[in-house]
Amino acid sequence: MKNKIILGTVLAIATITLLSSCSNIPKNAKPIEKFDAERYLGTWYEIARFDYKFERDLDNVTAQYSFKENGEIKVLNSGYNTKTKEWKSATGSAKFRKDKTTAALKVSFFKPFYAGYNVIALDKDYKYALVAGQSLKYLWLLSREKTMPENIKEQYLKIAQEIGYDTSKLIWVNQDKDNPFVHGK
């Protein structure tokens, strides 16, 4: 009986450690300070990303952020699957890992599992963002419009490369359709 209690305790601690470690940031990356979440809310178009299973075969991807009543941020991700020819969406929530003025969040689409969401570059007008996940496997370039100026792309790619990202692996997302999930469409 004593061994079962010890094993259960060890497993519980390991699970908590694993779940909390999913909301980290890559070494050499730093989240934006003096972040204004209110200004970040709204629709963002995905310009580029690394390939991973949850977004595989998706184009015309958007992320929409809004405050929930409980203070968390509602996340609505959507895109067009080029293989099935269908629009897909997923709704999740984000929480700040530290204070609300540091752009270090954790996002969940499958609670209780969270992943890191770190805004590591952002222009002063909140029109363009570079977002790092919890490791060098996750990176997004986002824009308020369906395109991003070349000089901003180059600047953000340089930042990502300095952190250690292999930007040659980025998928450049087509934004050639109107996403029906975007508010006002």
C-alpha atoms as a PDB file:
ATOM      1  CA  MET A   1       0.000   0.000   0.000  1.00  0.00           C
ATOM      2  CA  LYS A   2       2.815   2.389   0.931  1.00  0.00           C
ATOM      3  CA  ASN A   3       4.528   1.741  -2.426  1.00  0.00           C
ATOM      4  CA  LYS A   4       1.291   2.553  -4.300  1.00  0.00           C
ATOM      5  CA  ILE A   5       1.019   5.889  -2.465  1.00  0.00           C
ATOM      6  CA  ILE A   6       4.640   6.748  -3.239  1.00  0.00           C
ATOM      7  CA  LEU A   7       4.214   5.722  -6.885  1.00  0.00           C
ATOM      8  CA  GLY A   8       0.997   7.758  -7.140  1.00  0.00           C
ATOM      9  CA  THR A   9       2.704  10.802  -5.634  1.00  0.00           C
ATOM     10  CA  VAL A  10       5.678  10.498  -7.997  1.00  0.00           C
ATOM     11  CA  LEU A  11       3.353  10.144 -11.001  1.00  0.00           C
ATOM     12  CA  ALA A  12       1.311  13.165  -9.896  1.00  0.00           C
ATOM     13  CA  ILE A  13       4.439  15.307  -9.511  1.00  0.00           C
ATOM     14  CA  ALA A  14       5.752  14.113 -12.889  1.00  0.00           C
ATOM     15  CA  THR A  15       2.424  14.922 -14.554  1.00  0.00           C
ATOM     16  CA  ILE A  16       2.268  18.413 -13.027  1.00  0.00           C
ATOM     17  CA  THR A  17       5.864  19.058 -14.079  1.00  0.00           C
ATOM     18  CA  LEU A  18       5.162  17.847 -17.609  1.00  0.00           C
ATOM     19  CA  LEU A  19       1.999  19.947 -17.952  1.00  0.00           C
ATOM     20  CA  SER A  20       3.621  23.098 -16.623  1.00  0.00           C
ATOM     21  CA  SER A  21       6.741  22.640 -18.759  1.00  0.00           C
ATOM     22  CA  CYS A  22       4.583  22.801 -21.892  1.00  0.00           C
ATOM     23  CA  SER A  23       4.326  26.550 -21.505  1.00  0.00           C
ATOM     24  CA  ASN A  24       7.965  27.526 -21.819  1.00  0.00           C
ATOM     25  CA  ILE A  25       9.838  29.634 -24.300  1.00  0.00           C
ATOM     26  CA  PRO A  26      12.890  28.700 -26.381  1.00  0.00           C
ATOM     27  CA  LYS A  27      16.285  29.554 -24.968  1.00  0.00           C
ATOM     28  CA  ASN A  28      17.448  32.943 -26.314  1.00  0.00           C
ATOM     29  CA  ALA A  29      13.849  34.111 -26.933  1.00  0.00           C
ATOM     30  CA  LYS A  30      12.297  36.835 -24.821  1.00  0.00           C
ATOM     31  CA  PRO A  31       8.616  37.817 -24.701  1.00  0.00           C
ATOM     32  CA  ILE A  32       7.635  41.421 -25.332  1.00  0.00           C
ATOM     33  CA  GLU A  33       7.446  43.578 -22.200  1.00  0.00           C
ATOM     34  CA  LYS A  34       4.920  46.422 -21.821  1.00  0.00           C
ATOM     35  CA  PHE A  35       2.486  44.283 -23.822  1.00  0.00           C
ATOM     36  CA  ASP A  36      -1.061  45.625 -24.243  1.00  0.00           C
ATOM     37  CA  ALA A  37      -3.377  42.617 -24.566  1.00  0.00           C
ATOM     38  CA  GLU A  38      -6.322  44.855 -25.471  1.00  0.00           C
ATOM     39  CA  ARG A  39      -4.470  46.100 -28.567  1.00  0.00           C
ATOM     40  CA  TYR A  40      -3.482  42.537 -29.500  1.00  0.00           C
ATOM     41  CA  LEU A  41      -7.102  41.329 -29.580  1.00  0.00           C
ATOM     42  CA  GLY A  42      -8.840  40.886 -32.928  1.00  0.00           C
ATOM     43  CA  THR A  43      -7.972  39.069 -36.122  1.00  0.00           C
ATOM     44  CA  TRP A  44      -4.490  38.043 -37.205  1.00  0.00           C
ATOM     45  CA  TYR A  45      -3.649  36.404 -40.539  1.00  0.00           C
ATOM     46  CA  GLU A  46      -1.029  33.684 -40.527  1.00  0.00           C
ATOM     47  CA  ILE A  47       1.732  34.613 -42.964  1.00  0.00           C
ATOM     48  CA  ALA A  48       4.122  31.746 -42.197  1.00  0.00           C
ATOM     49  CA  ARG A  49       4.488  28.844 -39.751  1.00  0.00           C
ATOM     50  CA  PHE A  50       6.317  25.618 -39.147  1.00  0.00           C
ATOM     51  CA  ASP A  51       4.475  22.486 -40.183  1.00  0.00           C
ATOM     52  CA  TYR A  52       2.855  20.562 -37.380  1.00  0.00           C
ATOM     53  CA  LYS A  53      -0.071  18.172 -37.267  1.00  0.00           C
ATOM     54  CA  PHE A  54      -2.795  20.541 -36.044  1.00  0.00           C
ATOM     55  CA  GLU A  55      -2.338  22.888 -39.008  1.00  0.00           C
ATOM     56  CA  ARG A  56      -1.242  20.398 -41.646  1.00  0.00           C
ATOM     57  CA  ASP A  57      -2.696  21.154 -45.111  1.00  0.00           C
ATOM     58  CA  LEU A  58      -4.271  24.439 -43.945  1.00  0.00           C
ATOM     59  CA  ASP A  59      -4.185  27.706 -45.878  1.00  0.00           C
ATOM     60  CA  ASN A  60      -6.040  30.962 -45.259  1.00  0.00           C
ATOM     61  CA  VAL A  61      -5.386  30.516 -41.546  1.00  0.00           C
ATOM     62  CA  THR A  62      -6.492  33.164 -39.081  1.00  0.00           C
ATOM     63  CA  ALA A  63      -6.346  33.526 -35.324  1.00  0.00           C
ATOM     64  CA  GLN A  64      -8.930  35.650 -33.551  1.00  0.00           C
ATOM     65  CA  TYR A  65      -8.479  36.752 -29.961  1.00  0.00           C
ATOM     66  CA  SER A  66     -11.105  38.197 -27.612  1.00  0.00           C
ATOM     67  CA  PHE A  67     -11.505  38.488 -23.857  1.00  0.00           C
ATOM     68  CA  LYS A  68     -13.737  36.003 -22.065  1.00  0.00           C
ATOM     69  CA  GLU A  69     -15.771  37.006 -19.012  1.00  0.00           C
ATOM     70  CA  ASN A  70     -13.326  35.190 -16.720  1.00  0.00           C
ATOM     71  CA  GLY A  71     -10.386  37.295 -17.962  1.00  0.00           C
ATOM     72  CA  GLU A  72      -8.877  34.563 -20.109  1.00  0.00           C
ATOM     73  CA  ILE A  73      -8.444  35.126 -23.825  1.00  0.00           C
ATOM     74  CA  LYS A  74     -10.653  33.202 -26.239  1.00  0.00           C
ATOM     75  CA  VAL A  75      -8.699  31.868 -29.208  1.00  0.00           C
ATOM     76  CA  LEU A  76     -10.466  30.941 -32.441  1.00  0.00           C
ATOM     77  CA  ASN A  77      -8.118  29.428 -35.017  1.00  0.00           C
ATOM     78  CA  SER A  78      -9.474  28.592 -38.452  1.00  0.00           C
ATOM     79  CA  GLY A  79      -8.281  27.727 -41.926  1.00  0.00           C
ATOM     80  CA  TYR A  80      -9.061  26.021 -45.200  1.00  0.00           C
ATOM     81  CA  ASN A  81      -7.950  22.398 -45.573  1.00  0.00           C
ATOM     82  CA  THR A  82      -6.534  22.101 -49.096  1.00  0.00           C
ATOM     83  CA  LYS A  83      -6.995  18.302 -49.133  1.00  0.00           C
ATOM     84  CA  THR A  84     -10.578  17.996 -47.855  1.00  0.00           C
ATOM     85  CA  LYS A  85     -11.655  21.352 -49.342  1.00  0.00           C
ATOM     86  CA  GLU A  86     -13.348  22.263 -46.048  1.00  0.00           C
ATOM     87  CA  TRP A  87     -13.016  25.088 -43.554  1.00  0.00           C
ATOM     88  CA  LYS A  88     -11.867  23.942 -40.098  1.00  0.00           C
ATOM     89  CA  SER A  89     -11.832  25.737 -36.776  1.00  0.00           C
ATOM     90  CA  ALA A  90     -10.722  25.137 -33.209  1.00  0.00           C
ATOM     91  CA  THR A  91     -11.543  27.177 -30.124  1.00  0.00           C
ATOM     92  CA  GLY A  92      -9.245  27.397 -27.142  1.00  0.00           C
ATOM     93  CA  SER A  93      -8.197  29.732 -24.383  1.00  0.00           C
ATOM     94  CA  ALA A  94      -5.040  31.524 -23.367  1.00  0.00           C
ATOM     95  CA  LYS A  95      -3.760  32.638 -19.975  1.00  0.00           C
ATOM     96  CA  PHE A  96      -0.843  34.852 -19.067  1.00  0.00           C
ATOM     97  CA  ARG A  97       2.037  32.928 -17.527  1.00  0.00           C
ATOM     98  CA  LYS A  98       3.268  36.003 -15.671  1.00  0.00           C
ATOM     99  CA  ASP A  99       1.782  39.464 -15.454  1.00  0.00           C
ATOM    100  CA  LYS A 100      -0.535  40.790 -18.158  1.00  0.00           C
ATOM    101  CA  THR A 101       2.082  43.194 -19.496  1.00  0.00           C
ATOM    102  CA  THR A 102       4.456  40.390 -20.520  1.00  0.00           C
ATOM    103  CA  ALA A 103       3.548  38.628 -23.786  1.00  0.00           C
ATOM    104  CA  ALA A 104       4.222  35.158 -22.346  1.00  0.00           C
ATOM    105  CA  LEU A 105       1.053  33.108 -22.474  1.00  0.00           C
ATOM    106  CA  LYS A 106      -0.025  29.508 -22.457  1.00  0.00           C
ATOM    107  CA  VAL A 107      -2.726  28.303 -24.828  1.00  0.00           C
ATOM    108  CA  SER A 108      -4.927  25.244 -24.606  1.00  0.00           C
ATOM    109  CA  PHE A 109      -7.222  23.636 -27.128  1.00  0.00           C
ATOM    110  CA  PHE A 110      -7.259  20.382 -25.128  1.00  0.00           C
ATOM    111  CA  LYS A 111      -7.364  21.151 -21.403  1.00  0.00           C
ATOM    112  CA  PRO A 112      -5.501  20.473 -19.228  1.00  0.00           C
ATOM    113  CA  PHE A 113      -2.681  20.528 -21.796  1.00  0.00           C
ATOM    114  CA  TYR A 114      -1.130  23.931 -22.495  1.00  0.00           C
ATOM    115  CA  ALA A 115       1.477  25.074 -24.991  1.00  0.00           C
ATOM    116  CA  GLY A 116       3.648  28.167 -24.920  1.00  0.00           C
ATOM    117  CA  TYR A 117       2.570  31.239 -26.906  1.00  0.00           C
ATOM    118  CA  ASN A 118       5.165  33.993 -26.744  1.00  0.00           C
ATOM    119  CA  VAL A 119       5.024  37.221 -28.717  1.00  0.00           C
ATOM    120  CA  ILE A 120       8.720  37.916 -29.283  1.00  0.00           C
ATOM    121  CA  ALA A 121       8.485  40.747 -31.839  1.00  0.00           C
ATOM    122  CA  LEU A 122       5.699  43.256 -32.360  1.00  0.00           C
ATOM    123  CA  ASP A 123       5.588  46.566 -34.196  1.00  0.00           C
ATOM    124  CA  LYS A 124       4.454  49.679 -32.342  1.00  0.00           C
ATOM    125  CA  ASP A 125       1.081  49.715 -34.135  1.00  0.00           C
ATOM    126  CA  TYR A 126       0.316  46.045 -33.336  1.00  0.00           C
ATOM    127  CA  LYS A 127       0.042  45.196 -37.043  1.00  0.00           C
ATOM    128  CA  TYR A 128       2.761  42.527 -37.283  1.00  0.00           C
ATOM    129  CA  ALA A 129       3.850  39.888 -34.772  1.00  0.00           C
ATOM    130  CA  LEU A 130       6.429  37.122 -34.441  1.00  0.00           C
ATOM    131  CA  VAL A 131       5.245  34.366 -32.112  1.00  0.00           C
ATOM    132  CA  ALA A 132       7.373  31.587 -30.622  1.00  0.00           C
ATOM    133  CA  GLY A 133       5.976  28.395 -29.165  1.00  0.00           C
ATOM    134  CA  GLN A 134       7.542  26.484 -26.291  1.00  0.00           C
ATOM    135  CA  SER A 135      10.384  25.137 -28.432  1.00  0.00           C
ATOM    136  CA  LEU A 136      12.177  25.671 -31.725  1.00  0.00           C
ATOM    137  CA  LYS A 137       9.499  23.504 -33.387  1.00  0.00           C
ATOM    138  CA  TYR A 138       6.854  26.256 -33.269  1.00  0.00           C
ATOM    139  CA  LEU A 139       6.988  29.678 -34.916  1.00  0.00           C
ATOM    140  CA  TRP A 140       4.426  31.984 -36.528  1.00  0.00           C
ATOM    141  CA  LEU A 141       4.576  35.240 -38.466  1.00  0.00           C
ATOM    142  CA  LEU A 142       1.262  37.081 -38.120  1.00  0.00           C
ATOM    143  CA  SER A 143      -0.221  40.171 -39.732  1.00  0.00           C
ATOM    144  CA  ARG A 144      -3.424  42.172 -39.386  1.00  0.00           C
ATOM    145  CA  GLU A 145      -3.627  42.019 -43.183  1.00  0.00           C
ATOM    146  CA  LYS A 146      -3.302  39.093 -45.596  1.00  0.00           C
ATOM    147  CA  THR A 147       0.250  40.159 -46.438  1.00  0.00           C
ATOM    148  CA  MET A 148       3.327  41.369 -44.607  1.00  0.00           C
ATOM    149  CA  PRO A 149       5.835  43.898 -45.988  1.00  0.00           C
ATOM    150  CA  GLU A 150       9.147  42.357 -47.064  1.00  0.00           C
ATOM    151  CA  ASN A 151      11.184  44.515 -44.667  1.00  0.00           C
ATOM    152  CA  ILE A 152       9.126  43.270 -41.698  1.00  0.00           C
ATOM    153  CA  LYS A 153       9.432  39.645 -42.887  1.00  0.00           C
ATOM    154  CA  GLU A 154      13.205  40.019 -43.173  1.00  0.00           C
ATOM    155  CA  GLN A 155      13.444  41.643 -39.739  1.00  0.00           C
ATOM    156  CA  TYR A 156      11.374  38.881 -38.104  1.00  0.00           C
ATOM    157  CA  LEU A 157      13.236  36.097 -39.915  1.00  0.00           C
ATOM    158  CA  LYS A 158      16.530  37.549 -38.669  1.00  0.00           C
ATOM    159  CA  ILE A 159      15.225  37.614 -35.088  1.00  0.00           C
ATOM    160  CA  ALA A 160      14.032  34.005 -35.394  1.00  0.00           C
ATOM    161  CA  GLN A 161      17.372  32.858 -36.849  1.00  0.00           C
ATOM    162  CA  GLU A 162      19.293  34.574 -34.029  1.00  0.00           C
ATOM    163  CA  ILE A 163      17.179  32.599 -31.523  1.00  0.00           C
ATOM    164  CA  GLY A 164      18.020  29.354 -33.319  1.00  0.00           C
ATOM    165  CA  TYR A 165      15.051  28.742 -35.631  1.00  0.00           C
ATOM    166  CA  ASP A 166      15.690  27.124 -39.010  1.00  0.00           C
ATOM    167  CA  THR A 167      13.545  29.523 -41.017  1.00  0.00           C
ATOM    168  CA  SER A 168      14.099  27.547 -44.232  1.00  0.00           C
ATOM    169  CA  LYS A 169      11.439  25.163 -42.836  1.00  0.00           C
ATOM    170  CA  LEU A 170       8.721  27.821 -42.733  1.00  0.00           C
ATOM    171  CA  ILE A 171       5.539  27.216 -44.694  1.00  0.00           C
ATOM    172  CA  TRP A 172       4.328  30.392 -46.379  1.00  0.00           C
ATOM    173  CA  VAL A 173       0.564  30.423 -46.011  1.00  0.00           C
ATOM    174  CA  ASN A 174      -1.696  31.342 -48.921  1.00  0.00           C
ATOM    175  CA  GLN A 175      -4.269  33.973 -48.012  1.00  0.00           C
ATOM    176  CA  ASP A 176      -6.320  33.828 -51.205  1.00  0.00           C
ATOM    177  CA  LYS A 177      -9.814  33.112 -49.808  1.00  0.00           C
ATOM    178  CA  ASP A 178     -12.141  34.976 -47.484  1.00  0.00           C
ATOM    179  CA  ASN A 179     -12.264  33.027 -44.236  1.00  0.00           C
ATOM    180  CA  PRO A 180     -15.935  32.618 -43.173  1.00  0.00           C
ATOM    181  CA  PHE A 181     -14.884  32.419 -39.519  1.00  0.00           C
ATOM    182  CA  VAL A 182     -13.492  35.961 -39.541  1.00  0.00           C
ATOM    183  CA  HIS A 183     -15.974  38.298 -37.859  1.00  0.00           C
ATOM    184  CA  GLY A 184     -17.631  40.667 -40.275  1.00  0.00           C
ATOM    185  CA  LYS A 185     -17.383  38.286 -43.253  1.00  0.00           C
END
